[in-house]
Amino acid sequence: MKKIIDFEVIEKRSFPRAALLRLHCAQPLPAIRGGQFVQVRVDGCDKAYLRRPISIHDVDYQNNTIDLLIQEKHEGTKALCALPVGANVNVVLPLGNGFTMPEKGDNVLLVGGGIGIAPLLYFAKTICQDVPTCAPTFLLGGRSKDDLMLLDRFREVGEVAITTNDGSLGEAGFVTQHSLWNTKKINKIYACGPMPMMKAVAKLARERGLWCEVSLENQMACGIGACLCCVENTTEGNVCVCKEGPVFNIERLLW
């Protein structure tokens, strides 16, 4: 069930062009699936009239906190990244449909590019909790090492493979060029990141006959399917990504 909740920023970690905010609320959190997102109200910013959609990076039900990894892109997200500890934040959550949980015996690869790594951590944690025999592997990519954040967190959950375009960390190249594609057994792929990256991952998955879900990052305003600004053309016609997604099996997408 969706809720509108007032949170408080209780921790903050800053990165170049991004920030990790830990938000605390006084009431119990609703059930959240990996891959779902929130709509955050941007207060005190004259150029941001609408809420901003942000992936849920992590959840702590015991302490009633959620973590949001936010990239500075426009005025709204810049304002959110600038929030100090102690600031109040109004949030609608959880929104959208999350990733499909793998089954016992699946060999799972979670592919993230740039800020697209954000929803993969919490989803991987839910996999480890609900399907303990399924150990997820992360494949994370960026333009350079400066684009790869919070690697320590991911390494606590699963094996981490890395690519950078300039070769400054991990293997040089794109995520679809990493050597693990030829050395590791994989049968399910989950991906989130820039559209060209997700299309390349989807193409590779189709070529190899692999099951694959991607989390789209279409521009969203309302988060509930009312404004129609996030429409994606699928095999079933036009659908609102915020309501039908953001996670889609690639077989539903006209890529």
Foldseek 3Di string as FASTA:
>chain_A
DKDKFKWFFADWDDAVQKIKTKTAGPDFDDDDAQAWWKFKDQPPFPVDPFTAIFGFQAADRVRRITMTIAGRDDRRSVSVNPDDGGDMIIMIDGFFDHDDADAAPAAEEEEEEQSQCRSVLHNLVVNCVVHVNHQYEYEYEYQAPSRDPDVVSVVVRHHYAYEHCVCNDHHHDASVPDPCVVVPDHAEYEYEYDPVNVVVVLVVCVVVVHWYKYQDDADDGPLDQDPPRQWAQWPVGTDHCSHHHSIDTCNGHPD
